[in-house]
Amino acid sequence: MDWVILLASGVLEAVWATALGRSDGFKKKIPTLVFIVASILSLGGLGIALHTLPTGTAYAIWTATGASLTVIWAMITKVEKASLAKVLLLCGIVACVVGLKVLA
């Protein structure tokens, strides 16, 4: 169950990172509120997962999940230009996360 919580927390990391970017320095209320709620839930989930998962592995998976999904969302929404190199590098990150899960 902690793996599910960890991955959900990684998804929420992508949510808060995207909201932070859209908050315009905390001037826009809705993105700022989304940032606050998602960051609290994301860090809380990471904390729960750390009860049973190794810190280094859990943190690496949490950050890799959030960072990868943030870039993927930015490319889907055309905020960031997609390229073959970026997609291949993201696949590498995902492969590393899967490898950490297998070895943990």
Protein backbone atom coordinates (compact mmCIF):
# COMPACT_ATOMS: atom_id res chain seq x y z
CA MET A 1 0.00 0.00 0.00
CA ASP A 2 2.89 2.36 0.72
CA TRP A 3 4.01 2.09 -2.91
CA VAL A 4 0.58 3.25 -4.07
CA ILE A 5 0.69 6.16 -1.61
CA LEU A 6 4.21 7.02 -2.79
CA LEU A 7 3.19 7.08 -6.47
CA ALA A 8 0.07 9.11 -5.68
CA SER A 9 2.29 11.54 -3.80
CA GLY A 10 4.53 11.78 -6.85
CA VAL A 11 1.51 12.63 -8.99
CA LEU A 12 0.56 15.31 -6.49
CA GLU A 13 4.10 16.68 -6.73
CA ALA A 14 3.47 17.26 -10.45
CA VAL A 15 0.17 18.95 -9.57
CA TRP A 16 1.74 21.34 -7.07
CA ALA A 17 4.70 22.11 -9.33
CA THR A 18 2.36 22.97 -12.19
CA ALA A 19 0.12 25.03 -9.92
CA LEU A 20 3.14 26.86 -8.53
CA GLY A 21 4.17 27.82 -12.04
CA ARG A 22 0.69 29.07 -12.80
CA SER A 23 0.25 30.98 -9.54
CA ASP A 24 2.17 34.00 -10.88
CA GLY A 25 4.17 34.43 -7.69
CA PHE A 26 1.16 33.50 -5.52
CA LYS A 27 -0.92 36.31 -7.05
CA LYS A 28 -3.55 34.00 -8.58
CA LYS A 29 -5.80 32.51 -5.91
CA ILE A 30 -6.91 29.20 -7.48
CA PRO A 31 -3.44 27.98 -8.54
CA THR A 32 -2.06 29.10 -5.17
CA LEU A 33 -4.74 27.13 -3.32
CA VAL A 34 -4.10 24.06 -5.51
CA PHE A 35 -0.38 24.42 -4.78
CA ILE A 36 -0.93 24.57 -1.02
CA VAL A 37 -3.32 21.61 -0.86
CA ALA A 38 -1.36 19.41 -3.29
CA SER A 39 1.99 20.12 -1.62
CA ILE A 40 0.65 19.25 1.83
CA LEU A 41 -0.92 16.03 0.55
CA SER A 42 2.17 15.16 -1.48
CA LEU A 43 4.59 15.61 1.40
CA GLY A 44 2.20 13.89 3.78
CA GLY A 45 1.98 10.87 1.50
CA LEU A 46 5.76 10.76 1.19
CA GLY A 47 5.99 10.83 4.98
CA ILE A 48 3.56 7.92 5.28
CA ALA A 49 5.46 5.90 2.67
CA LEU A 50 8.72 6.47 4.55
CA HIS A 51 7.38 4.40 7.44
CA THR A 52 8.15 1.22 5.51
CA LEU A 53 10.20 2.21 2.44
CA PRO A 54 13.89 3.17 2.43
CA THR A 55 14.29 6.95 2.43
CA GLY A 56 16.64 7.18 -0.53
CA THR A 57 14.55 4.91 -2.73
CA ALA A 58 11.26 6.54 -1.78
CA TYR A 59 12.59 10.06 -2.29
CA ALA A 60 14.12 9.17 -5.66
CA ILE A 61 10.86 7.65 -6.86
CA TRP A 62 8.79 10.56 -5.50
CA THR A 63 10.93 13.19 -7.22
CA ALA A 64 11.30 11.23 -10.45
CA THR A 65 7.56 10.65 -10.68
CA GLY A 66 6.75 14.28 -10.02
CA ALA A 67 9.43 15.67 -12.32
CA SER A 68 8.57 13.32 -15.17
CA LEU A 69 4.85 14.00 -14.98
CA THR A 70 5.45 17.74 -14.75
CA VAL A 71 7.48 17.70 -17.96
CA ILE A 72 5.00 15.39 -19.71
CA TRP A 73 2.09 17.67 -18.74
CA ALA A 74 4.01 20.74 -19.91
CA MET A 75 4.62 19.08 -23.28
CA ILE A 76 0.98 17.97 -23.62
CA THR A 77 -0.30 21.46 -22.84
CA LYS A 78 2.30 23.04 -25.18
CA VAL A 79 3.94 25.02 -22.36
CA GLU A 80 7.17 23.22 -23.18
CA LYS A 81 8.34 21.98 -26.56
CA ALA A 82 8.34 18.21 -26.98
CA SER A 83 11.27 16.48 -28.62
CA LEU A 84 12.44 12.95 -29.20
CA ALA A 85 15.39 13.53 -26.88
CA LYS A 86 13.12 14.65 -24.03
CA VAL A 87 10.82 11.67 -24.50
CA LEU A 88 13.74 9.24 -24.52
CA LEU A 89 15.24 10.83 -21.40
CA LEU A 90 11.85 10.64 -19.64
CA CYS A 91 11.67 6.96 -20.59
CA GLY A 92 15.06 6.56 -18.94
CA ILE A 93 13.77 8.14 -15.75
CA VAL A 94 10.74 5.85 -15.76
CA ALA A 95 13.01 2.82 -16.35
CA CYS A 96 15.13 3.86 -13.36
CA VAL A 97 12.04 4.20 -11.16
CA VAL A 98 10.88 0.73 -12.19
CA GLY A 99 14.37 -0.58 -11.47
CA LEU A 100 14.35 0.94 -8.00
CA LYS A 101 10.96 -0.64 -7.30
CA VAL A 102 12.19 -4.04 -8.46
CA LEU A 103 15.31 -3.85 -6.31
CA ALA A 104 13.65 -2.38 -3.20
